[in-house]
Protein backbone atom coordinates (compact mmCIF):
# COMPACT_ATOMS: atom_id res chain seq x y z
CA MET A 1 0.00 0.00 0.00
CA ASP A 2 1.21 3.50 -0.83
CA TYR A 3 1.33 5.99 2.04
CA ASP A 4 2.27 9.60 2.46
CA ASP A 5 5.69 9.35 4.05
CA TYR A 6 7.10 11.61 6.79
CA ASP A 7 9.90 11.53 9.32
CA VAL A 8 7.53 12.59 12.10
CA VAL A 9 3.78 12.82 12.55
CA VAL A 10 2.77 15.20 15.34
CA ALA A 11 -0.74 14.60 16.70
CA GLY A 12 -2.14 17.93 17.87
CA GLY A 13 -1.81 21.36 16.32
CA GLY A 14 -1.85 23.49 19.44
CA PRO A 15 1.15 25.56 20.56
CA VAL A 16 3.19 22.55 21.73
CA GLY A 17 2.63 20.54 18.56
CA LEU A 18 3.39 23.54 16.35
CA MET A 19 6.50 24.44 18.35
CA LEU A 20 7.80 20.89 18.06
CA ALA A 21 7.07 20.76 14.34
CA CYS A 22 8.94 24.03 13.78
CA GLU A 23 11.95 22.76 15.73
CA LEU A 24 12.03 19.59 13.64
CA ARG A 25 11.74 21.50 10.36
CA LEU A 26 14.67 23.74 11.30
CA GLU A 27 16.85 20.64 11.09
CA GLY A 28 15.28 19.42 7.86
CA ALA A 29 12.87 16.76 9.14
CA ARG A 30 9.72 16.10 7.12
CA VAL A 31 6.80 16.77 9.47
CA ALA A 32 3.03 16.45 9.31
CA VAL A 33 0.83 17.93 12.05
CA LEU A 34 -2.64 16.43 12.47
CA GLU A 35 -5.23 18.68 14.10
CA ARG A 36 -8.83 17.53 14.38
CA ARG A 37 -10.15 21.10 14.62
CA THR A 38 -10.58 23.04 11.41
CA GLU A 39 -9.99 26.37 13.16
CA MET A 40 -8.04 27.51 16.22
CA ASP A 41 -9.94 26.95 19.49
CA SER A 42 -11.06 30.38 20.69
CA THR A 43 -12.07 29.16 24.18
CA ILE A 44 -10.37 31.21 26.90
CA LYS A 45 -7.14 29.61 28.09
CA GLY A 46 -3.92 30.78 29.72
CA GLY A 47 -3.21 34.50 29.47
CA ALA A 48 0.49 34.49 30.34
CA ILE A 49 3.74 32.66 29.70
CA THR A 50 6.82 32.17 31.85
CA THR A 51 10.25 33.57 31.00
CA PRO A 52 11.62 30.21 29.74
CA SER A 53 8.88 30.13 27.08
CA ALA A 54 9.56 33.73 26.15
CA GLU A 55 13.28 32.84 25.95
CA ALA A 56 12.54 29.88 23.67
CA LEU A 57 10.56 32.03 21.23
CA TYR A 58 13.10 34.87 21.51
CA ARG A 59 15.88 32.47 20.57
CA ARG A 60 13.97 31.69 17.38
CA GLY A 61 13.57 35.34 16.39
CA MET A 62 10.00 35.89 17.57
CA LEU A 63 10.58 38.57 20.22
CA PRO A 64 9.19 41.53 18.21
CA ALA A 65 5.93 39.71 17.58
CA LEU A 66 5.62 38.75 21.26
CA ALA A 67 6.30 42.32 22.36
CA GLU A 68 3.56 43.66 20.10
CA VAL A 69 1.02 41.13 21.39
CA GLN A 70 1.92 42.04 24.96
CA ARG A 71 1.59 45.76 24.20
CA GLN A 72 -1.96 45.21 23.01
CA ALA A 73 -2.77 43.10 26.07
CA MET A 74 -1.38 45.76 28.38
CA ASN A 75 -3.53 48.39 26.71
CA ARG A 76 -6.61 46.28 27.43
CA PHE A 77 -5.56 45.73 31.05
CA GLN A 78 -4.97 49.43 31.64
CA ALA A 79 -8.27 50.36 30.01
CA PHE A 80 -10.04 48.00 32.40
CA ILE A 81 -8.30 49.53 35.40
CA ARG A 82 -9.11 53.06 34.24
CA GLU A 83 -12.72 52.06 33.79
CA ARG A 84 -12.91 50.90 37.39
CA ASN A 85 -10.86 53.88 38.59
CA SER A 86 -11.09 52.91 42.21
CA ARG A 87 -8.69 52.22 45.04
CA ASP A 88 -9.14 48.48 44.63
CA ALA A 89 -8.42 48.69 40.93
CA GLY A 90 -5.20 50.61 41.39
CA GLY A 91 -3.91 48.53 44.26
CA ALA A 92 -5.09 44.94 43.97
CA ALA A 93 -4.92 44.83 40.20
CA GLY A 94 -1.72 46.69 39.48
CA GLN A 95 -1.82 44.35 36.59
CA GLY A 96 1.08 44.91 34.26
CA LEU A 97 3.57 46.97 36.16
CA GLY A 98 2.89 46.28 39.83
CA ILE A 99 2.14 42.55 39.83
CA VAL A 100 4.32 39.73 38.47
CA GLY A 101 1.89 36.88 39.06
CA HIS A 102 0.24 34.99 41.86
CA PHE A 103 0.64 31.91 44.02
CA SER A 104 -2.70 30.35 44.93
CA GLY A 105 -4.34 33.69 44.18
CA ILE A 106 -1.91 35.55 46.48
CA MET A 107 -0.63 38.42 44.37
CA LEU A 108 3.15 38.87 44.02
CA ARG A 109 4.39 42.45 43.86
CA ALA A 110 7.05 43.38 41.31
CA ASP A 111 8.78 45.80 43.67
CA LEU A 112 9.55 42.92 46.08
CA VAL A 113 11.38 40.78 43.52
CA ASP A 114 15.18 40.57 43.78
CA ARG A 115 16.23 40.34 40.14
CA THR A 116 19.70 39.10 41.04
CA GLU A 117 18.18 35.70 41.88
CA PRO A 118 19.41 33.05 39.38
CA GLY A 119 16.89 32.66 36.59
CA LEU A 120 15.31 36.11 37.08
CA GLY A 121 17.93 38.54 35.86
CA ASP A 122 19.79 36.94 32.95
CA ALA A 123 17.15 36.31 30.27
CA GLY A 124 17.68 39.61 28.47
CA PRO A 125 14.67 41.17 26.72
CA ALA A 126 12.69 37.93 27.14
CA ALA A 127 12.30 38.76 30.83
CA GLU A 128 10.00 41.63 29.83
CA ILE A 129 7.52 39.28 28.15
CA ALA A 130 4.75 37.69 30.23
CA PHE A 131 1.24 38.76 29.19
CA VAL A 132 0.81 36.75 25.98
CA ALA A 133 -2.28 34.57 25.67
CA GLN A 134 -2.22 30.97 24.48
CA GLN A 135 -4.23 31.77 21.35
CA ASP A 136 -1.67 34.41 20.38
CA ILE A 137 1.18 31.91 20.81
CA GLU A 138 -0.70 29.40 18.65
CA ARG A 139 -1.38 32.01 15.97
CA LEU A 140 2.27 33.12 15.84
CA LEU A 141 3.55 29.54 15.73
CA GLY A 142 1.03 28.67 13.05
CA GLY A 143 2.47 31.40 10.85
CA ARG A 144 6.00 30.22 11.58
CA ALA A 145 5.07 26.64 10.71
CA ASP A 146 3.73 27.82 7.35
CA GLU A 147 6.96 29.73 6.67
CA LEU A 148 9.08 26.67 7.48
CA GLY A 149 7.03 24.34 5.30
CA VAL A 150 5.37 22.21 7.98
CA ASP A 151 2.43 20.23 6.56
CA VAL A 152 -0.37 21.21 8.96
CA ARG A 153 -3.49 19.16 8.25
CA ARG A 154 -6.53 20.71 9.91
CA GLY A 155 -9.76 18.74 10.20
CA VAL A 156 -7.75 15.50 10.28
CA GLU A 157 -8.05 13.32 13.38
CA LEU A 158 -5.73 10.50 14.43
CA THR A 159 -7.87 7.37 14.91
CA GLY A 160 -5.19 4.74 15.55
CA PHE A 161 -1.69 3.57 14.71
CA ASP A 162 0.55 0.53 14.42
CA ALA A 163 4.18 0.86 15.47
CA ASP A 164 7.12 -1.50 15.04
CA ASP A 165 10.90 -1.16 15.19
CA GLU A 166 11.06 0.51 11.78
CA ALA A 167 8.10 2.88 11.46
CA VAL A 168 4.64 3.95 12.60
CA ILE A 169 1.57 3.62 10.38
CA VAL A 170 -0.81 6.35 11.53
CA ARG A 171 -4.50 5.93 10.73
CA THR A 172 -6.51 9.11 10.34
CA SER A 173 -9.98 10.24 9.38
CA HIS A 174 -8.50 11.01 5.93
CA GLY A 175 -6.40 7.91 5.31
CA ALA A 176 -3.15 6.41 6.56
CA ILE A 177 0.32 7.99 6.85
CA ARG A 178 3.69 6.30 7.29
CA ALA A 179 6.20 7.98 9.61
CA GLY A 180 9.42 7.18 11.35
CA TRP A 181 8.11 8.61 14.63
CA LEU A 182 4.82 9.66 16.20
CA VAL A 183 4.62 12.37 18.88
CA GLY A 184 1.43 12.88 20.86
CA CYS A 185 0.86 16.58 21.54
CA ASP A 186 -2.89 16.01 21.65
CA GLY A 187 -3.74 17.28 25.11
CA GLY A 188 -4.69 15.93 28.50
CA ARG A 189 -7.07 13.34 27.05
CA SER A 190 -4.44 12.24 24.54
CA THR A 191 -5.54 9.53 22.11
CA VAL A 192 -1.89 8.73 21.39
CA ARG A 193 -1.10 8.21 25.08
CA LYS A 194 -4.11 5.96 25.61
CA LEU A 195 -3.59 3.84 22.48
CA ALA A 196 0.14 3.44 23.16
CA GLY A 197 -0.53 2.29 26.74
CA PHE A 198 1.56 4.84 28.64
CA ASP A 199 1.16 4.63 32.42
CA PHE A 200 -0.44 7.86 33.68
CA PRO A 201 -0.58 7.87 37.50
CA GLY A 202 -1.47 10.85 39.66
CA THR A 203 -3.96 12.41 42.06
CA GLU A 204 -7.72 12.75 41.74
CA PRO A 205 -9.45 16.15 41.43
CA GLU A 206 -11.25 17.88 44.29
CA VAL A 207 -12.31 21.20 42.78
CA THR A 208 -14.50 22.51 40.00
CA CYS A 209 -13.13 25.65 38.36
CA HIS A 210 -14.53 27.93 35.69
CA GLN A 211 -12.84 30.65 33.68
CA ALA A 212 -14.92 32.87 31.44
CA VAL A 213 -15.26 36.22 29.76
CA VAL A 214 -18.80 37.43 30.36
CA GLU A 215 -21.07 40.43 30.12
CA LEU A 216 -22.32 41.33 33.58
CA THR A 217 -23.94 44.02 35.65
CA GLY A 218 -23.60 44.77 39.34
CA ALA A 219 -19.85 44.13 39.31
CA GLU A 220 -18.95 47.35 41.10
CA ASP A 221 -18.49 45.51 44.39
CA LEU A 222 -16.41 42.64 42.97
CA LYS A 223 -12.81 42.92 44.09
CA ILE A 224 -10.23 43.03 41.33
CA GLY A 225 -7.65 40.26 41.38
CA TRP A 226 -7.97 37.04 43.39
CA THR A 227 -10.11 36.88 46.53
CA ALA A 228 -10.44 34.04 49.04
CA THR A 229 -13.84 33.80 50.74
CA ASP A 230 -15.55 31.41 53.14
CA THR A 231 -16.75 29.27 50.24
CA GLY A 232 -13.74 29.20 47.91
CA VAL A 233 -11.83 31.59 45.69
CA TYR A 234 -12.80 33.87 42.82
CA ALA A 235 -10.98 36.27 40.50
CA TYR A 236 -12.18 39.29 38.53
CA GLY A 237 -10.12 40.98 35.78
CA PRO A 238 -7.56 42.00 34.60
CA MET A 239 -9.50 42.22 31.34
CA PRO A 240 -13.12 43.33 31.10
CA GLY A 241 -15.57 40.59 32.06
CA ARG A 242 -12.98 37.96 32.91
CA VAL A 243 -14.01 35.85 35.93
CA VAL A 244 -12.63 32.71 37.58
CA THR A 245 -14.42 30.59 40.18
CA VAL A 246 -12.86 27.85 42.33
CA GLU A 247 -15.16 25.68 44.45
CA PHE A 248 -14.22 22.65 46.53
CA ASP A 249 -17.29 20.61 45.69
CA GLY A 250 -15.52 17.81 43.84
CA PRO A 251 -15.01 17.42 40.10
CA PRO A 252 -17.85 18.24 37.70
CA THR A 253 -20.22 15.40 36.85
CA ASP A 254 -19.95 16.26 33.15
CA ARG A 255 -16.84 18.19 32.10
CA ASP A 256 -18.14 18.53 28.54
CA ALA A 257 -21.52 20.05 29.42
CA PRO A 258 -21.99 23.62 28.15
CA VAL A 259 -21.05 26.34 30.64
CA THR A 260 -24.17 28.46 31.07
CA ALA A 261 -24.64 32.04 32.23
CA GLU A 262 -26.99 30.79 34.96
CA ASP A 263 -24.40 28.38 36.41
CA LEU A 264 -21.59 30.96 36.28
CA GLN A 265 -23.81 33.58 37.91
CA ALA A 266 -24.82 31.25 40.74
CA ARG A 267 -21.21 30.27 41.43
CA LEU A 268 -19.89 33.84 41.32
CA ARG A 269 -22.66 35.04 43.66
CA ARG A 270 -22.03 32.15 46.05
CA LEU A 271 -18.29 32.84 46.19
CA SER A 272 -18.31 36.64 46.25
CA GLY A 273 -21.51 37.45 48.05
CA VAL A 274 -22.13 40.11 45.38
CA ASP A 275 -25.48 40.17 43.58
CA VAL A 276 -24.06 40.22 40.05
CA THR A 277 -26.07 39.41 36.95
CA ILE A 278 -24.40 37.68 34.00
CA THR A 279 -26.24 38.61 30.83
CA GLY A 280 -23.99 36.88 28.30
CA VAL A 281 -21.06 34.48 27.97
CA ARG A 282 -18.43 35.26 25.33
CA THR A 283 -16.17 32.32 26.11
CA ALA A 284 -15.98 29.88 29.02
CA THR A 285 -14.21 26.73 30.10
CA ARG A 286 -14.44 24.29 32.99
CA PHE A 287 -11.40 22.59 34.55
CA THR A 288 -10.30 20.64 37.60
CA ASP A 289 -7.12 20.05 39.58
CA HIS A 290 -6.38 16.44 38.65
CA ALA A 291 -2.62 15.99 38.38
CA ARG A 292 -1.15 13.10 36.39
CA GLN A 293 2.11 12.38 34.61
CA ALA A 294 3.30 9.66 32.27
CA THR A 295 6.02 7.58 33.91
CA ASP A 296 8.05 7.68 30.69
CA TYR A 297 7.72 10.06 27.74
CA ARG A 298 8.74 7.44 25.17
CA LYS A 299 7.56 3.96 24.15
CA GLY A 300 9.52 2.78 21.12
CA ARG A 301 8.77 5.13 18.24
CA VAL A 302 5.99 6.95 20.08
CA LEU A 303 6.68 9.98 22.30
CA LEU A 304 4.58 12.43 24.31
CA ALA A 305 4.90 16.17 24.92
CA GLY A 306 2.84 18.85 26.63
CA ASP A 307 -0.46 17.98 28.30
CA ALA A 308 -0.35 14.52 26.71
CA ALA A 309 2.57 13.80 29.04
CA HIS A 310 1.37 15.68 32.13
CA VAL A 311 -1.82 17.38 33.32
CA HIS A 312 -2.43 19.66 36.29
CA SER A 313 -4.54 22.64 37.30
CA ALA A 314 -4.14 25.91 35.45
CA PHE A 315 -3.05 27.91 38.51
CA GLY A 316 0.14 29.83 37.79
CA SER A 317 -0.16 29.58 33.98
CA GLN A 318 2.58 26.95 33.84
CA GLY A 319 1.02 24.33 31.57
CA LEU A 320 1.69 25.99 28.22
CA SER A 321 5.21 26.93 29.23
CA LEU A 322 5.94 23.40 30.44
CA GLY A 323 4.86 22.06 27.05
CA ILE A 324 6.94 24.60 25.12
CA GLY A 325 9.93 23.43 27.17
CA ASP A 326 9.18 19.84 26.21
CA ALA A 327 9.07 20.77 22.52
CA MET A 328 12.37 22.68 22.69
CA ASN A 329 14.05 19.78 24.46
CA LEU A 330 12.73 17.05 22.18
CA GLY A 331 12.82 18.77 18.80
CA TRP A 332 16.56 19.02 18.21
CA LYS A 333 17.23 15.60 19.71
CA LEU A 334 14.68 13.79 17.55
CA ALA A 335 15.85 15.69 14.46
CA ALA A 336 19.47 14.71 15.17
CA VAL A 337 18.53 11.03 15.46
CA ILE A 338 16.46 11.19 12.26
CA GLY A 339 19.33 12.86 10.41
CA GLY A 340 21.88 10.32 11.65
CA ARG A 341 23.81 13.01 13.50
CA ALA A 342 23.33 11.41 16.92
CA PRO A 343 22.64 7.92 18.25
CA GLU A 344 19.12 6.95 19.30
CA ARG A 345 20.18 6.84 22.95
CA LEU A 346 20.06 10.65 22.88
CA LEU A 347 16.26 10.37 23.09
CA GLY A 348 16.62 8.85 26.55
CA THR A 349 17.71 12.24 27.84
CA TYR A 350 14.32 13.70 26.88
CA THR A 351 12.52 11.86 29.68
CA SER A 352 15.41 12.08 32.13
CA GLU A 353 15.59 15.88 31.73
CA ARG A 354 11.93 16.84 31.33
CA HIS A 355 10.17 14.37 33.65
CA PRO A 356 11.58 15.95 36.86
CA VAL A 357 10.50 19.39 35.63
CA GLY A 358 6.97 18.14 35.01
CA ALA A 359 6.81 16.44 38.42
CA TRP A 360 7.90 19.67 40.07
CA VAL A 361 5.18 21.69 38.30
CA LEU A 362 2.54 19.15 39.33
CA ASP A 363 3.55 19.52 42.97
CA TRP A 364 3.49 23.31 42.76
CA THR A 365 -0.03 23.30 41.36
CA ARG A 366 -1.09 20.85 44.08
CA SER A 367 0.35 23.15 46.73
CA GLN A 368 -1.65 26.07 45.34
CA VAL A 369 -4.87 24.09 45.63
CA ALA A 370 -3.97 23.25 49.23
CA ALA A 371 -3.64 26.95 50.06
CA MET A 372 -7.03 27.70 48.45
CA ARG A 373 -9.13 25.28 50.48
CA PRO A 374 -11.71 27.02 52.67
CA ASP A 375 -11.17 24.85 55.78
CA ALA A 376 -9.62 26.44 58.87
CA GLN A 377 -6.27 24.64 58.60
CA SER A 378 -5.75 25.63 54.96
CA ARG A 379 -6.75 29.22 55.60
CA ALA A 380 -4.21 29.39 58.41
CA LEU A 381 -1.59 28.12 55.95
CA ARG A 382 -2.73 30.74 53.44
CA GLU A 383 -2.18 33.51 55.97
CA ILE A 384 1.39 32.34 56.55
CA VAL A 385 2.09 32.17 52.78
CA SER A 386 0.57 35.64 52.38
CA ASP A 387 2.91 36.98 55.05
CA LEU A 388 5.89 35.42 53.30
CA ALA A 389 4.72 36.86 49.97
CA GLY A 390 4.94 40.29 51.58
CA THR A 391 8.72 39.98 51.96
CA VAL A 392 11.51 40.32 49.41
CA ALA A 393 12.81 36.83 50.11
CA GLY A 394 9.36 35.25 49.92
CA THR A 395 8.21 37.01 46.77
CA THR A 396 11.55 36.38 45.05
CA TYR A 397 11.42 32.68 45.88
CA LEU A 398 7.82 32.25 44.73
CA THR A 399 8.35 34.30 41.57
CA ALA A 400 11.52 32.45 40.58
CA ARG A 401 9.93 29.04 41.03
CA LEU A 402 6.63 29.90 39.35
CA ASN A 403 8.59 31.51 36.54
CA GLY A 404 10.49 28.29 35.85
CA GLY A 405 13.86 30.03 36.01
CA GLY A 406 15.38 27.52 38.41
CA VAL A 407 15.37 24.60 35.96
CA ARG A 408 18.68 22.76 35.85
CA TYR A 409 19.34 19.50 34.04
CA GLU A 410 21.80 17.07 35.63
CA LEU A 411 24.55 17.25 33.01
CA PRO A 412 28.22 16.29 33.36
CA GLY A 413 30.47 19.18 34.35
CA GLU A 414 31.17 21.37 37.37
CA HIS A 415 30.70 24.83 35.89
CA PRO A 416 27.75 26.73 37.45
CA LEU A 417 26.21 27.35 34.02
CA THR A 418 26.21 23.70 32.97
CA GLY A 419 22.69 22.33 32.72
CA ARG A 420 21.10 25.77 33.04
CA SER A 421 19.49 28.04 30.49
CA THR A 422 22.38 30.09 29.10
CA PRO A 423 22.29 33.79 30.04
CA ASP A 424 21.50 36.15 27.17
CA LEU A 425 25.06 37.49 27.00
CA GLU A 426 25.71 40.92 25.49
CA LEU A 427 28.59 40.62 23.00
CA THR A 428 31.11 43.18 21.78
CA ASP A 429 29.70 43.20 18.25
CA GLY A 430 26.43 44.61 19.61
CA SER A 431 24.53 41.37 19.36
CA ARG A 432 23.15 39.16 22.10
CA LEU A 433 23.44 35.41 22.48
CA ALA A 434 19.84 34.80 21.35
CA ASP A 435 20.56 36.49 18.02
CA HIS A 436 22.85 33.56 17.16
CA LEU A 437 20.38 30.78 17.98
CA HIS A 438 17.72 31.49 15.34
CA SER A 439 18.90 28.61 13.15
CA GLY A 440 18.17 25.97 15.78
CA ARG A 441 21.77 24.73 15.74
CA ALA A 442 24.11 24.48 18.70
CA LEU A 443 26.62 27.27 19.31
CA LEU A 444 30.18 27.24 20.63
CA LEU A 445 30.82 30.75 21.92
CA ASP A 446 34.55 31.50 22.07
CA LEU A 447 35.08 34.54 24.29
CA THR A 448 38.91 34.48 24.38
CA ASP A 449 39.80 33.93 20.69
CA ASP A 450 41.17 30.46 21.44
CA PRO A 451 42.13 28.46 18.30
CA GLU A 452 42.17 25.22 20.29
CA LEU A 453 38.45 25.58 20.99
CA ARG A 454 37.68 26.16 17.34
CA ALA A 455 39.82 23.21 16.30
CA LEU A 456 37.80 20.89 18.53
CA ALA A 457 34.55 22.15 17.00
CA ALA A 458 35.79 21.98 13.38
CA GLY A 459 34.48 18.44 12.92
CA TYR A 460 30.95 19.55 13.80
CA ALA A 461 30.32 21.95 10.93
CA GLY A 462 26.60 22.04 10.18
CA ARG A 463 25.81 20.79 13.67
CA VAL A 464 27.55 23.37 15.87
CA ASP A 465 28.08 26.98 14.86
CA THR A 466 31.18 28.74 16.21
CA LEU A 467 31.32 32.40 17.17
CA THR A 468 34.31 34.36 18.46
CA ALA A 469 33.39 37.50 20.35
CA GLY A 470 33.94 39.30 23.63
CA CYS A 471 31.61 39.69 26.58
CA PRO A 472 32.75 42.57 28.84
CA SER A 473 29.96 41.97 31.37
CA ARG A 474 31.25 38.45 32.06
CA PRO A 475 35.06 38.75 31.92
CA GLU A 476 35.51 35.54 33.91
CA LEU A 477 33.76 33.50 31.24
CA ALA A 478 35.97 31.99 28.51
CA ALA A 479 33.70 29.73 26.46
CA VAL A 480 30.18 28.28 26.40
CA LEU A 481 28.75 25.38 24.43
CA VAL A 482 25.05 26.10 24.00
CA ARG A 483 22.66 23.34 22.97
CA PRO A 484 19.96 24.12 20.36
CA ASP A 485 17.40 24.45 23.18
CA GLY A 486 19.48 27.21 24.78
CA PHE A 487 20.81 25.15 27.69
CA THR A 488 24.52 25.08 28.50
CA ALA A 489 26.19 21.75 27.66
CA TRP A 490 29.67 22.87 28.72
CA ALA A 491 31.36 26.05 29.92
CA ALA A 492 34.81 27.17 31.05
CA ASP A 493 36.26 30.18 32.81
CA ALA A 494 39.38 32.07 31.82
CA ARG A 495 42.66 30.87 33.32
CA ALA A 496 45.59 32.91 34.58
CA LYS A 497 48.18 31.33 32.24
CA ALA A 498 46.01 30.46 29.26
CA PRO A 499 42.87 31.80 27.61
CA THR A 500 40.80 28.83 28.70
CA SER A 501 40.80 25.14 29.48
CA THR A 502 39.23 22.84 26.89
CA ALA A 503 38.90 19.96 29.36
CA GLY A 504 35.60 18.21 28.82
CA LEU A 505 34.70 20.01 25.60
CA ALA A 506 35.44 17.12 23.23
CA GLU A 507 33.39 14.79 25.44
CA ALA A 508 30.48 17.25 25.57
CA LEU A 509 30.51 17.71 21.82
CA GLU A 510 30.39 13.96 21.23
CA GLU A 511 27.80 13.39 23.97
CA TRP A 512 25.28 15.78 22.42
CA PHE A 513 26.20 16.00 18.75
CA GLY A 514 27.74 12.65 17.83
CA VAL A 515 31.21 11.85 16.56
CA PRO A 516 33.02 14.57 14.59
CA GLU A 517 33.16 14.36 10.83
CA GLY A 518 36.09 12.27 9.67
CA ALA A 519 36.51 10.50 12.99
CA VAL A 520 37.30 6.80 12.91
CA THR A 521 34.82 4.84 15.00
CA PRO A 522 35.68 1.43 16.48
CA GLY A 523 34.76 -1.41 14.17
């Protein structure tokens, strides 16, 4: 039988699937994205991203587009605050400039954040990006996928697949496709995960949450921001008509039932004690706090990324960013294996690096639910967390962790940068590090004009770019090997008697990018 033939089929055309497909195309892989929807889902979702996601998109040249989307969002936020023009609006909302996020609905003030904390002060312009909605990310990545030549098939649903040691035959609503690999980026109810038989353990839900944009009257007495009451938690703003309700009455009996104005109104009245009237629903969604994670992100030629690999509550807006991190980590590795530039064992590092990050996010969302419960013990805990969030140390800690800036992979090497997202170094030619990562290739940054470094990298032409430049702000730094995902694979400091030490560089190059061209491998 004749099939359309691809290197990778990605199931799911949301932001994670599109990001992964773009990363694969950068390295020449033939990719098809299957998306059952014919149009982008306009249902309200996350309204912010963490700095690591902004960094990832910045490193691929998308910062100007992100900045423009955020500018428009900020204009809407400020218009909402001006419309309210009250003490509550100016203080509790603060929304773009005064507030950096929230933990369990406890607002975190920007003026209490110590930006010298690792992961908070070295992301360059990406650190200024936060208020970008999920739909905007999907729209921008959809345009990028078109530019790169990704075959995005909308209205096509994966219905099954057969995988062996050589390939995957993917069955769809529009016929079968043959691929070398299948990646499930198809959400928390992933068909790929279920059909492949991935284990998906976790904790059961205890709350019913709603997020909506509505038309309402009588909202003058609703507090802006997040408010804990005797019956749960609600949020109002920072955009006109946006409401969130959190009630500890167990999971919904039917998650797919339409969200009605009557139900939202009853819940908001019950939580706030304000006699609001909801006259229309523009967009609404229902969610819970179940938290589950696949024990492994790979089974043979089938892999998972994003919500297909891990699900949790939406508190903290970490889900989208966690998935973007998965896509950045997996994309270059899978492309290198497909292109024969790295052994298949490289894919084992995808689970070993990303699974701990996912487990950490699940626990942080669980902890936020714990601090929202209306029982006396949990409210006492909430008071203590609120007190801590009123200090520089407390706000800095919470902001850094929620922002995802503390991620470090356990990589070989003793340098403090190894395993961390590489700082966005300012170079003497006027460029920044991110400017040299648009291609999706690795980068060896030589900061001391050391020919020995460049000689070691010479066998990796086409896999590792080399750049010689200075970095006055980091005079102690001699060289950095940056992986395609922006994480440091190896680094060295300047030495007193020599520009740098190359110890460990050859091993790092071979570990991540295969044997150098022309090398003789053991027979």
